[in-house]
Amino acid sequence: YFIEDEFLNASQMGTIFRENCTSSKILKAYLYKVGRGYLCDLLSKVIYQIVVTERKHSYEIDPNRVDPDELDRNRELLEGKLITLIQTITSKQAVAKIPAGVRIIAQFFEECAKKYMPEKVHVMIGSFIMLRYINPAIFAPENAGLLPKFKSPSTQARRNLILITKILQNLANGITFSTKENFMTPLNAFLT
């Protein structure tokens, strides 16, 4: 019920489930309840690499935060890790193992999207799944059980995770970066 209500009451289609409203919180909690084990199986290895094994690597591409001589190398590292994550998330094996509870929510979301935004059904589903399910686990892996107990990302690793989630979200949304975050625009070629 509240999923369709979100579609009905959205001021703009781009704002559906973007706010941290009660329905978003309920869905996020439900998705973690039924899908936390799946996320751990899916993402733990690559998140462990980013946070522990490669903790000193920087994916920083903001010239205000890093030496300009490091930008190209950092972007290559970032794009490489994104390719790994995208292949992991979209592999046939991973898709086949998506928990039934997550599939049910995605299916209902699809039904609503077909009614209210039929030209953007896949984008709506992908955006929602990334925003409320996968990206929060990547951004805060210690809260999602993707890291060993009492292990948290360093400042550098957290920044790497932030950059990854920004790009994955834009990819799911089907949009490129604008001048709002100008330093991210070199990744638009990756997104298209």
N, C-alpha and C. Protein backbone atom coordinates (compact mmCIF):
# COMPACT_ATOMS: atom_id res chain seq x y z
N TYR A 1 0.82 -1.20 0.00
CA TYR A 1 0.00 0.00 0.00
C TYR A 1 0.86 1.26 0.00
N PHE A 2 1.80 1.37 0.92
CA PHE A 2 2.57 2.61 1.03
C PHE A 2 3.51 2.84 -0.14
N ILE A 3 3.85 1.79 -0.89
CA ILE A 3 4.68 1.99 -2.08
C ILE A 3 3.87 2.76 -3.12
N GLU A 4 2.65 2.31 -3.36
CA GLU A 4 1.81 3.02 -4.33
C GLU A 4 1.48 4.42 -3.84
N ASP A 5 1.27 4.55 -2.55
CA ASP A 5 1.00 5.86 -1.97
C ASP A 5 2.15 6.83 -2.23
N GLU A 6 3.37 6.33 -2.17
CA GLU A 6 4.55 7.15 -2.45
C GLU A 6 4.51 7.64 -3.90
N PHE A 7 4.12 6.78 -4.83
CA PHE A 7 4.00 7.17 -6.23
C PHE A 7 2.89 8.21 -6.41
N LEU A 8 1.77 8.00 -5.75
CA LEU A 8 0.62 8.90 -5.88
C LEU A 8 0.91 10.29 -5.34
N ASN A 9 1.65 10.36 -4.25
CA ASN A 9 1.85 11.64 -3.56
C ASN A 9 3.17 12.33 -3.86
N ALA A 10 3.96 11.77 -4.74
CA ALA A 10 5.25 12.39 -5.07
C ALA A 10 5.02 13.69 -5.84
N SER A 11 5.74 14.73 -5.43
CA SER A 11 5.62 16.01 -6.14
C SER A 11 6.28 15.91 -7.51
N GLN A 12 7.32 15.09 -7.60
CA GLN A 12 8.01 14.81 -8.86
C GLN A 12 8.40 13.34 -8.83
N MET A 13 8.42 12.70 -9.98
CA MET A 13 8.77 11.29 -10.01
C MET A 13 10.21 11.04 -9.54
N GLY A 14 11.08 12.03 -9.70
CA GLY A 14 12.46 11.89 -9.27
C GLY A 14 12.63 11.90 -7.76
N THR A 15 11.56 12.19 -7.02
CA THR A 15 11.66 12.25 -5.56
C THR A 15 11.11 11.00 -4.87
N ILE A 16 10.63 10.03 -5.65
CA ILE A 16 10.04 8.83 -5.04
C ILE A 16 11.08 8.08 -4.23
N PHE A 17 10.77 7.89 -2.97
CA PHE A 17 11.63 7.20 -2.00
C PHE A 17 13.00 7.84 -1.83
N ARG A 18 13.12 9.11 -2.17
CA ARG A 18 14.38 9.82 -1.98
C ARG A 18 14.45 10.41 -0.56
N GLU A 19 13.30 10.78 -0.05
CA GLU A 19 13.28 11.36 1.30
C GLU A 19 13.40 10.25 2.33
N ASN A 20 13.84 10.61 3.49
CA ASN A 20 13.98 9.64 4.56
C ASN A 20 12.68 9.57 5.36
N CYS A 21 11.60 9.30 4.63
CA CYS A 21 10.27 9.25 5.24
C CYS A 21 10.02 7.86 5.85
N THR A 22 8.88 7.73 6.50
CA THR A 22 8.55 6.48 7.17
C THR A 22 8.52 5.31 6.20
N SER A 23 7.93 5.49 5.04
CA SER A 23 7.86 4.38 4.08
C SER A 23 9.25 3.96 3.61
N SER A 24 10.14 4.92 3.42
CA SER A 24 11.52 4.59 3.04
C SER A 24 12.21 3.80 4.14
N LYS A 25 12.01 4.22 5.38
CA LYS A 25 12.62 3.53 6.51
C LYS A 25 12.09 2.11 6.65
N ILE A 26 10.78 1.95 6.46
CA ILE A 26 10.18 0.61 6.56
C ILE A 26 10.74 -0.30 5.47
N LEU A 27 10.78 0.20 4.25
CA LEU A 27 11.29 -0.62 3.15
C LEU A 27 12.76 -0.96 3.33
N LYS A 28 13.55 0.01 3.75
CA LYS A 28 14.97 -0.25 3.96
C LYS A 28 15.16 -1.32 5.04
N ALA A 29 14.41 -1.21 6.14
CA ALA A 29 14.51 -2.19 7.22
C ALA A 29 14.08 -3.58 6.72
N TYR A 30 13.00 -3.61 5.95
CA TYR A 30 12.53 -4.89 5.41
C TYR A 30 13.56 -5.51 4.47
N LEU A 31 14.11 -4.69 3.57
CA LEU A 31 15.10 -5.20 2.61
C LEU A 31 16.31 -5.78 3.34
N TYR A 32 16.75 -5.12 4.41
CA TYR A 32 17.88 -5.65 5.17
C TYR A 32 17.51 -6.93 5.91
N LYS A 33 16.29 -6.97 6.41
CA LYS A 33 15.84 -8.16 7.14
C LYS A 33 15.85 -9.38 6.23
N VAL A 34 15.28 -9.23 5.03
CA VAL A 34 15.19 -10.39 4.13
C VAL A 34 16.42 -10.57 3.25
N GLY A 35 17.24 -9.52 3.14
CA GLY A 35 18.33 -9.60 2.18
C GLY A 35 19.72 -9.34 2.69
N ARG A 36 19.88 -9.28 4.00
CA ARG A 36 21.22 -8.99 4.55
C ARG A 36 22.22 -10.10 4.24
N GLY A 37 21.81 -11.34 4.38
CA GLY A 37 22.71 -12.45 4.08
C GLY A 37 23.15 -12.44 2.62
N TYR A 38 22.22 -12.11 1.74
CA TYR A 38 22.54 -12.01 0.32
C TYR A 38 23.59 -10.93 0.09
N LEU A 39 23.39 -9.76 0.70
CA LEU A 39 24.36 -8.67 0.54
C LEU A 39 25.74 -9.08 1.06
N CYS A 40 25.76 -9.79 2.17
CA CYS A 40 27.05 -10.25 2.71
C CYS A 40 27.73 -11.20 1.74
N ASP A 41 26.98 -12.15 1.21
CA ASP A 41 27.56 -13.08 0.24
C ASP A 41 28.02 -12.36 -1.01
N LEU A 42 27.23 -11.39 -1.44
CA LEU A 42 27.49 -10.69 -2.70
C LEU A 42 28.67 -9.72 -2.61
N LEU A 43 28.72 -8.94 -1.53
CA LEU A 43 29.62 -7.79 -1.48
C LEU A 43 30.80 -7.90 -0.51
N SER A 44 30.77 -8.83 0.41
CA SER A 44 31.81 -8.87 1.46
C SER A 44 33.23 -8.91 0.91
N LYS A 45 33.45 -9.74 -0.09
CA LYS A 45 34.81 -9.91 -0.62
C LYS A 45 35.35 -8.60 -1.19
N VAL A 46 34.59 -7.95 -2.04
CA VAL A 46 35.08 -6.72 -2.68
C VAL A 46 35.15 -5.57 -1.67
N ILE A 47 34.23 -5.51 -0.74
CA ILE A 47 34.27 -4.46 0.29
C ILE A 47 35.48 -4.68 1.19
N TYR A 48 35.77 -5.91 1.54
CA TYR A 48 36.95 -6.22 2.35
C TYR A 48 38.21 -5.76 1.62
N GLN A 49 38.27 -5.99 0.31
CA GLN A 49 39.42 -5.53 -0.47
C GLN A 49 39.58 -4.02 -0.34
N ILE A 50 38.50 -3.28 -0.53
CA ILE A 50 38.56 -1.82 -0.50
C ILE A 50 38.96 -1.32 0.89
N VAL A 51 38.35 -1.89 1.92
CA VAL A 51 38.52 -1.37 3.29
C VAL A 51 39.77 -1.89 3.97
N VAL A 52 40.17 -3.11 3.68
CA VAL A 52 41.30 -3.71 4.40
C VAL A 52 42.51 -3.90 3.49
N THR A 53 42.39 -4.73 2.48
CA THR A 53 43.52 -5.08 1.63
C THR A 53 44.09 -3.87 0.90
N GLU A 54 43.20 -3.04 0.36
CA GLU A 54 43.62 -1.88 -0.44
C GLU A 54 43.36 -0.57 0.30
N ARG A 55 43.42 -0.59 1.62
CA ARG A 55 43.04 0.57 2.42
C ARG A 55 43.87 1.82 2.15
N LYS A 56 45.07 1.65 1.64
CA LYS A 56 45.92 2.81 1.35
C LYS A 56 45.72 3.35 -0.06
N HIS A 57 44.96 2.61 -0.88
CA HIS A 57 44.67 3.10 -2.23
C HIS A 57 43.70 4.26 -2.15
N SER A 58 43.90 5.21 -3.04
CA SER A 58 42.99 6.34 -3.11
C SER A 58 42.29 6.33 -4.46
N TYR A 59 40.98 6.52 -4.42
CA TYR A 59 40.20 6.68 -5.64
C TYR A 59 39.83 8.15 -5.83
N GLU A 60 40.44 9.00 -5.04
CA GLU A 60 40.08 10.42 -5.04
C GLU A 60 40.31 11.05 -6.41
N ILE A 61 39.29 11.73 -6.90
CA ILE A 61 39.38 12.40 -8.20
C ILE A 61 39.03 13.88 -8.12
N ASP A 62 38.89 14.38 -6.90
CA ASP A 62 38.64 15.80 -6.70
C ASP A 62 39.99 16.51 -6.63
N PRO A 63 40.30 17.37 -7.61
CA PRO A 63 41.61 18.03 -7.63
C PRO A 63 41.85 18.93 -6.42
N ASN A 64 40.80 19.26 -5.68
CA ASN A 64 40.96 20.05 -4.45
C ASN A 64 41.39 19.18 -3.27
N ARG A 65 41.35 17.87 -3.44
CA ARG A 65 41.67 16.95 -2.35
C ARG A 65 42.92 16.11 -2.60
N VAL A 66 43.46 16.16 -3.83
CA VAL A 66 44.57 15.27 -4.16
C VAL A 66 45.51 15.97 -5.14
N ASP A 67 46.75 15.52 -5.15
CA ASP A 67 47.74 16.03 -6.09
C ASP A 67 47.26 15.75 -7.51
N PRO A 68 47.25 16.76 -8.37
CA PRO A 68 46.78 16.58 -9.76
C PRO A 68 47.50 15.46 -10.51
N ASP A 69 48.74 15.16 -10.14
CA ASP A 69 49.48 14.08 -10.80
C ASP A 69 48.88 12.70 -10.50
N GLU A 70 48.07 12.61 -9.45
CA GLU A 70 47.49 11.33 -9.06
C GLU A 70 46.08 11.11 -9.62
N LEU A 71 45.50 12.12 -10.24
CA LEU A 71 44.11 12.05 -10.69
C LEU A 71 43.85 10.90 -11.67
N ASP A 72 44.67 10.78 -12.69
CA ASP A 72 44.45 9.73 -13.70
C ASP A 72 44.57 8.33 -13.10
N ARG A 73 45.60 8.14 -12.29
CA ARG A 73 45.79 6.82 -11.65
C ARG A 73 44.61 6.51 -10.73
N ASN A 74 44.18 7.49 -9.94
CA ASN A 74 43.07 7.27 -9.03
C ASN A 74 41.78 6.96 -9.78
N ARG A 75 41.56 7.68 -10.88
CA ARG A 75 40.35 7.44 -11.68
C ARG A 75 40.38 6.02 -12.26
N GLU A 76 41.55 5.58 -12.71
CA GLU A 76 41.67 4.22 -13.24
C GLU A 76 41.38 3.17 -12.16
N LEU A 77 41.90 3.41 -10.95
CA LEU A 77 41.62 2.49 -9.84
C LEU A 77 40.12 2.47 -9.53
N LEU A 78 39.53 3.66 -9.50
CA LEU A 78 38.10 3.78 -9.21
C LEU A 78 37.27 3.06 -10.27
N GLU A 79 37.57 3.31 -11.53
CA GLU A 79 36.82 2.65 -12.61
C GLU A 79 37.01 1.14 -12.58
N GLY A 80 38.21 0.69 -12.26
CA GLY A 80 38.45 -0.75 -12.15
C GLY A 80 37.62 -1.38 -11.06
N LYS A 81 37.55 -0.72 -9.91
CA LYS A 81 36.75 -1.26 -8.81
C LYS A 81 35.26 -1.20 -9.13
N LEU A 82 34.84 -0.16 -9.84
CA LEU A 82 33.44 -0.07 -10.26
C LEU A 82 33.08 -1.22 -11.21
N ILE A 83 33.96 -1.52 -12.14
CA ILE A 83 33.71 -2.63 -13.06
C ILE A 83 33.56 -3.93 -12.28
N THR A 84 34.44 -4.14 -11.31
CA THR A 84 34.35 -5.34 -10.47
C THR A 84 33.02 -5.40 -9.75
N LEU A 85 32.61 -4.30 -9.14
CA LEU A 85 31.34 -4.26 -8.40
C LEU A 85 30.15 -4.48 -9.33
N ILE A 86 30.15 -3.82 -10.46
CA ILE A 86 29.03 -3.95 -11.39
C ILE A 86 28.93 -5.39 -11.90
N GLN A 87 30.06 -5.98 -12.23
CA GLN A 87 30.04 -7.38 -12.68
C GLN A 87 29.56 -8.31 -11.56
N THR A 88 29.95 -8.01 -10.34
CA THR A 88 29.52 -8.81 -9.20
C THR A 88 28.01 -8.70 -8.99
N ILE A 89 27.51 -7.48 -8.98
CA ILE A 89 26.09 -7.23 -8.70
C ILE A 89 25.19 -7.75 -9.82
N THR A 90 25.65 -7.67 -11.06
CA THR A 90 24.78 -8.01 -12.20
C THR A 90 25.05 -9.40 -12.79
N SER A 91 25.92 -10.17 -12.17
CA SER A 91 26.20 -11.50 -12.71
C SER A 91 24.93 -12.36 -12.66
N LYS A 92 24.84 -13.32 -13.55
CA LYS A 92 23.67 -14.22 -13.59
C LYS A 92 23.50 -14.92 -12.25
N GLN A 93 24.62 -15.34 -11.65
CA GLN A 93 24.55 -16.04 -10.37
C GLN A 93 23.98 -15.13 -9.28
N ALA A 94 24.43 -13.87 -9.26
CA ALA A 94 23.96 -12.94 -8.24
C ALA A 94 22.47 -12.63 -8.42
N VAL A 95 22.07 -12.41 -9.65
CA VAL A 95 20.67 -12.09 -9.93
C VAL A 95 19.78 -13.29 -9.57
N ALA A 96 20.24 -14.49 -9.86
CA ALA A 96 19.46 -15.69 -9.56
C ALA A 96 19.27 -15.89 -8.05
N LYS A 97 20.18 -15.35 -7.25
CA LYS A 97 20.12 -15.55 -5.80
C LYS A 97 19.42 -14.41 -5.04
N ILE A 98 18.91 -13.41 -5.76
CA ILE A 98 18.22 -12.32 -5.07
C ILE A 98 17.08 -12.91 -4.24
N PRO A 99 17.03 -12.58 -2.96
CA PRO A 99 16.01 -13.17 -2.09
C PRO A 99 14.58 -12.85 -2.55
N ALA A 100 13.70 -13.79 -2.28
CA ALA A 100 12.30 -13.65 -2.69
C ALA A 100 11.68 -12.35 -2.17
N GLY A 101 11.98 -11.99 -0.94
CA GLY A 101 11.41 -10.76 -0.36
C GLY A 101 11.83 -9.51 -1.11
N VAL A 102 13.07 -9.49 -1.58
CA VAL A 102 13.56 -8.36 -2.37
C VAL A 102 12.88 -8.36 -3.73
N ARG A 103 12.73 -9.52 -4.31
CA ARG A 103 12.05 -9.64 -5.61
C ARG A 103 10.59 -9.17 -5.53
N ILE A 104 9.92 -9.51 -4.45
CA ILE A 104 8.52 -9.10 -4.28
C ILE A 104 8.41 -7.58 -4.23
N ILE A 105 9.28 -6.94 -3.49
CA ILE A 105 9.26 -5.47 -3.42
C ILE A 105 9.56 -4.88 -4.79
N ALA A 106 10.56 -5.41 -5.48
CA ALA A 106 10.91 -4.92 -6.82
C ALA A 106 9.74 -5.12 -7.79
N GLN A 107 9.04 -6.24 -7.67
CA GLN A 107 7.91 -6.50 -8.55
C GLN A 107 6.78 -5.50 -8.30
N PHE A 108 6.48 -5.25 -7.04
CA PHE A 108 5.42 -4.28 -6.74
C PHE A 108 5.84 -2.87 -7.18
N PHE A 109 7.11 -2.57 -6.98
CA PHE A 109 7.65 -1.29 -7.42
C PHE A 109 7.49 -1.17 -8.94
N GLU A 110 7.75 -2.27 -9.66
CA GLU A 110 7.60 -2.28 -11.11
C GLU A 110 6.15 -2.01 -11.52
N GLU A 111 5.21 -2.66 -10.83
CA GLU A 111 3.79 -2.45 -11.14
C GLU A 111 3.40 -0.98 -10.98
N CYS A 112 3.86 -0.38 -9.90
CA CYS A 112 3.55 1.04 -9.67
C CYS A 112 4.23 1.93 -10.71
N ALA A 113 5.47 1.64 -11.00
CA ALA A 113 6.21 2.43 -11.99
C ALA A 113 5.54 2.34 -13.36
N LYS A 114 5.04 1.18 -13.72
CA LYS A 114 4.36 1.02 -15.02
C LYS A 114 3.11 1.90 -15.09
N LYS A 115 2.43 2.09 -13.97
CA LYS A 115 1.23 2.94 -13.94
C LYS A 115 1.57 4.42 -14.04
N TYR A 116 2.59 4.83 -13.30
CA TYR A 116 2.85 6.26 -13.12
C TYR A 116 4.03 6.80 -13.93
N MET A 117 4.90 5.93 -14.38
CA MET A 117 6.06 6.36 -15.13
C MET A 117 6.54 5.24 -16.05
N PRO A 118 5.71 4.83 -16.99
CA PRO A 118 6.01 3.64 -17.79
C PRO A 118 7.29 3.73 -18.61
N GLU A 119 7.71 4.92 -18.96
CA GLU A 119 8.93 5.06 -19.76
C GLU A 119 10.20 4.92 -18.92
N LYS A 120 10.07 4.85 -17.62
CA LYS A 120 11.25 4.80 -16.74
C LYS A 120 11.19 3.63 -15.75
N VAL A 121 10.51 2.57 -16.10
CA VAL A 121 10.32 1.45 -15.17
C VAL A 121 11.64 0.89 -14.66
N HIS A 122 12.55 0.55 -15.56
CA HIS A 122 13.82 -0.07 -15.14
C HIS A 122 14.67 0.90 -14.33
N VAL A 123 14.65 2.15 -14.72
CA VAL A 123 15.41 3.16 -13.97
C VAL A 123 14.84 3.30 -12.56
N MET A 124 13.51 3.31 -12.45
CA MET A 124 12.88 3.46 -11.13
C MET A 124 13.24 2.28 -10.22
N ILE A 125 13.18 1.08 -10.75
CA ILE A 125 13.49 -0.11 -9.94
C ILE A 125 14.97 -0.10 -9.55
N GLY A 126 15.84 0.12 -10.53
CA GLY A 126 17.28 0.13 -10.25
C GLY A 126 17.67 1.23 -9.28
N SER A 127 17.10 2.41 -9.46
CA SER A 127 17.40 3.53 -8.56
C SER A 127 17.00 3.21 -7.13
N PHE A 128 15.80 2.65 -6.98
CA PHE A 128 15.31 2.31 -5.65
C PHE A 128 16.18 1.25 -4.99
N ILE A 129 16.48 0.17 -5.72
CA ILE A 129 17.28 -0.92 -5.15
C ILE A 129 18.67 -0.41 -4.75
N MET A 130 19.26 0.42 -5.60
CA MET A 130 20.59 0.96 -5.27
C MET A 130 20.51 1.91 -4.07
N LEU A 131 19.54 2.83 -4.10
CA LEU A 131 19.44 3.86 -3.06
C LEU A 131 19.12 3.29 -1.68
N ARG A 132 18.21 2.34 -1.63
CA ARG A 132 17.71 1.87 -0.33
C ARG A 132 18.23 0.50 0.11
N TYR A 133 18.99 -0.16 -0.77
CA TYR A 133 19.42 -1.51 -0.42
C TYR A 133 20.93 -1.71 -0.61
N ILE A 134 21.42 -1.58 -1.82
CA ILE A 134 22.82 -1.91 -2.09
C ILE A 134 23.78 -0.80 -1.67
N ASN A 135 23.50 0.44 -2.06
CA ASN A 135 24.44 1.52 -1.73
C ASN A 135 24.60 1.76 -0.23
N PRO A 136 23.55 1.68 0.58
CA PRO A 136 23.79 1.84 2.03
C PRO A 136 24.74 0.78 2.59
N ALA A 137 24.67 -0.43 2.04
CA ALA A 137 25.58 -1.48 2.49
C ALA A 137 27.02 -1.19 2.06
N ILE A 138 27.17 -0.63 0.87
CA ILE A 138 28.52 -0.28 0.40
C ILE A 138 29.06 0.90 1.19
N PHE A 139 28.23 1.91 1.40
CA PHE A 139 28.67 3.12 2.12
C PHE A 139 29.02 2.84 3.58
N ALA A 140 28.22 2.02 4.24
CA ALA A 140 28.45 1.72 5.66
C ALA A 140 28.51 0.20 5.85
N PRO A 141 29.55 -0.43 5.33
CA PRO A 141 29.62 -1.90 5.38
C PRO A 141 29.68 -2.46 6.80
N GLU A 142 30.16 -1.67 7.73
CA GLU A 142 30.22 -2.13 9.11
C GLU A 142 28.82 -2.29 9.70
N ASN A 143 27.85 -1.51 9.21
CA ASN A 143 26.47 -1.62 9.68
C ASN A 143 25.70 -2.73 8.98
N ALA A 144 26.17 -3.14 7.82
CA ALA A 144 25.47 -4.17 7.04
C ALA A 144 26.06 -5.56 7.24
N GLY A 145 27.06 -5.67 8.11
CA GLY A 145 27.67 -6.98 8.35
C GLY A 145 28.63 -7.42 7.26
N LEU A 146 29.13 -6.48 6.46
CA LEU A 146 30.04 -6.83 5.37
C LEU A 146 31.49 -6.86 5.80
N LEU A 147 31.75 -6.44 7.02
CA LEU A 147 33.12 -6.43 7.54
C LEU A 147 33.17 -7.23 8.83
N PRO A 148 34.36 -7.71 9.19
CA PRO A 148 34.48 -8.40 10.48
C PRO A 148 34.06 -7.47 11.62
N LYS A 149 33.61 -8.07 12.70
CA LYS A 149 33.17 -7.31 13.87
C LYS A 149 34.25 -6.33 14.31
N PHE A 150 33.84 -5.14 14.67
CA PHE A 150 34.70 -4.07 15.17
C PHE A 150 35.65 -3.50 14.12
N LYS A 151 35.43 -3.81 12.86
CA LYS A 151 36.24 -3.25 11.77
C LYS A 151 35.41 -2.19 11.07
N SER A 152 35.99 -1.00 10.95
CA SER A 152 35.33 0.10 10.25
C SER A 152 36.27 0.66 9.20
N PRO A 153 35.71 1.24 8.15
CA PRO A 153 36.58 1.84 7.11
C PRO A 153 37.37 3.01 7.66
N SER A 154 38.60 3.14 7.21
CA SER A 154 39.40 4.32 7.52
C SER A 154 38.79 5.51 6.79
N THR A 155 39.28 6.70 7.07
CA THR A 155 38.80 7.89 6.38
C THR A 155 38.98 7.76 4.88
N GLN A 156 40.14 7.27 4.45
CA GLN A 156 40.42 7.08 3.03
C GLN A 156 39.47 6.05 2.41
N ALA A 157 39.31 4.92 3.07
CA ALA A 157 38.42 3.88 2.55
C ALA A 157 36.98 4.37 2.49
N ARG A 158 36.56 5.14 3.50
CA ARG A 158 35.18 5.68 3.50
C ARG A 158 34.99 6.61 2.31
N ARG A 159 35.97 7.45 2.03
CA ARG A 159 35.88 8.35 0.87
C ARG A 159 35.79 7.53 -0.42
N ASN A 160 36.56 6.47 -0.51
CA ASN A 160 36.49 5.60 -1.68
C ASN A 160 35.09 5.01 -1.83
N LEU A 161 34.50 4.57 -0.72
CA LEU A 161 33.15 4.01 -0.75
C LEU A 161 32.12 5.06 -1.15
N ILE A 162 32.30 6.30 -0.67
CA ILE A 162 31.39 7.38 -1.04
C ILE A 162 31.44 7.62 -2.55
N LEU A 163 32.63 7.69 -3.10
CA LEU A 163 32.77 7.91 -4.54
C LEU A 163 32.11 6.77 -5.32
N ILE A 164 32.31 5.56 -4.88
CA ILE A 164 31.71 4.39 -5.54
C ILE A 164 30.19 4.49 -5.52
N THR A 165 29.62 4.81 -4.36
CA THR A 165 28.15 4.87 -4.27
C THR A 165 27.57 6.01 -5.10
N LYS A 166 28.27 7.13 -5.17
CA LYS A 166 27.80 8.24 -6.02
C LYS A 166 27.69 7.79 -7.48
N ILE A 167 28.71 7.10 -7.94
CA ILE A 167 28.74 6.67 -9.35
C ILE A 167 27.71 5.58 -9.60
N LEU A 168 27.63 4.61 -8.70
CA LEU A 168 26.64 3.55 -8.87
C LEU A 168 25.22 4.11 -8.87
N GLN A 169 24.96 5.11 -8.02
CA GLN A 169 23.62 5.70 -7.98
C GLN A 169 23.31 6.43 -9.28
N ASN A 170 24.27 7.19 -9.78
CA ASN A 170 24.03 7.88 -11.06
C ASN A 170 23.83 6.88 -12.19
N LEU A 171 24.58 5.79 -12.16
CA LEU A 171 24.42 4.75 -13.17
C LEU A 171 23.00 4.17 -13.11
N ALA A 172 22.54 3.86 -11.91
CA ALA A 172 21.18 3.33 -11.73
C ALA A 172 20.12 4.35 -12.14
N ASN A 173 20.38 5.63 -11.86
CA ASN A 173 19.43 6.69 -12.19
C ASN A 173 19.43 7.02 -13.68
N GLY A 174 20.43 6.53 -14.39
CA GLY A 174 20.52 6.82 -15.81
C GLY A 174 20.90 8.26 -16.11
N ILE A 175 21.69 8.86 -15.20
CA ILE A 175 22.09 10.26 -15.39
C ILE A 175 23.60 10.39 -15.30
N THR A 176 24.09 11.50 -15.83
CA THR A 176 25.51 11.81 -15.75
C THR A 176 25.71 12.89 -14.71
N PHE A 177 26.97 13.16 -14.39
CA PHE A 177 27.30 14.21 -13.44
C PHE A 177 27.24 15.57 -14.12
N SER A 178 26.85 16.58 -13.34
CA SER A 178 26.75 17.94 -13.87
C SER A 178 27.79 18.82 -13.19
N THR A 179 27.67 20.09 -13.40
CA THR A 179 28.62 21.03 -12.81
C THR A 179 28.46 21.13 -11.29
N LYS A 180 27.39 20.57 -10.75
CA LYS A 180 27.21 20.56 -9.29
C LYS A 180 28.41 19.90 -8.61
N GLU A 181 28.87 18.80 -9.20
CA GLU A 181 30.09 18.14 -8.73
C GLU A 181 31.00 18.00 -9.95
N ASN A 182 31.55 19.10 -10.34
CA ASN A 182 32.33 19.18 -11.58
C ASN A 182 33.46 18.16 -11.62
N PHE A 183 34.07 17.87 -10.48
CA PHE A 183 35.19 16.93 -10.46
C PHE A 183 34.76 15.52 -10.85
N MET A 184 33.46 15.23 -10.80
CA MET A 184 32.96 13.90 -11.16
C MET A 184 32.68 13.78 -12.66
N THR A 185 32.64 14.89 -13.38
CA THR A 185 32.26 14.84 -14.79
C THR A 185 33.20 14.00 -15.66
N PRO A 186 34.49 13.84 -15.33
CA PRO A 186 35.30 12.94 -16.15
C PRO A 186 34.79 11.49 -16.17
N LEU A 187 33.94 11.14 -15.20
CA LEU A 187 33.39 9.80 -15.14
C LEU A 187 32.13 9.64 -15.99
N ASN A 188 31.67 10.71 -16.60
CA ASN A 188 30.48 10.61 -17.44
C ASN A 188 30.68 9.64 -18.60
N ALA A 189 31.87 9.57 -19.12
CA ALA A 189 32.16 8.59 -20.19
C ALA A 189 31.95 7.18 -19.68
N PHE A 190 32.29 6.94 -18.43
CA PHE A 190 32.09 5.61 -17.81
C PHE A 190 30.60 5.32 -17.67
N LEU A 191 29.81 6.35 -17.38
CA LEU A 191 28.39 6.17 -17.15
C LEU A 191 27.58 5.96 -18.42
N THR A 192 28.14 6.34 -19.55
CA THR A 192 27.36 6.25 -20.79
C THR A 192 27.78 5.10 -21.67
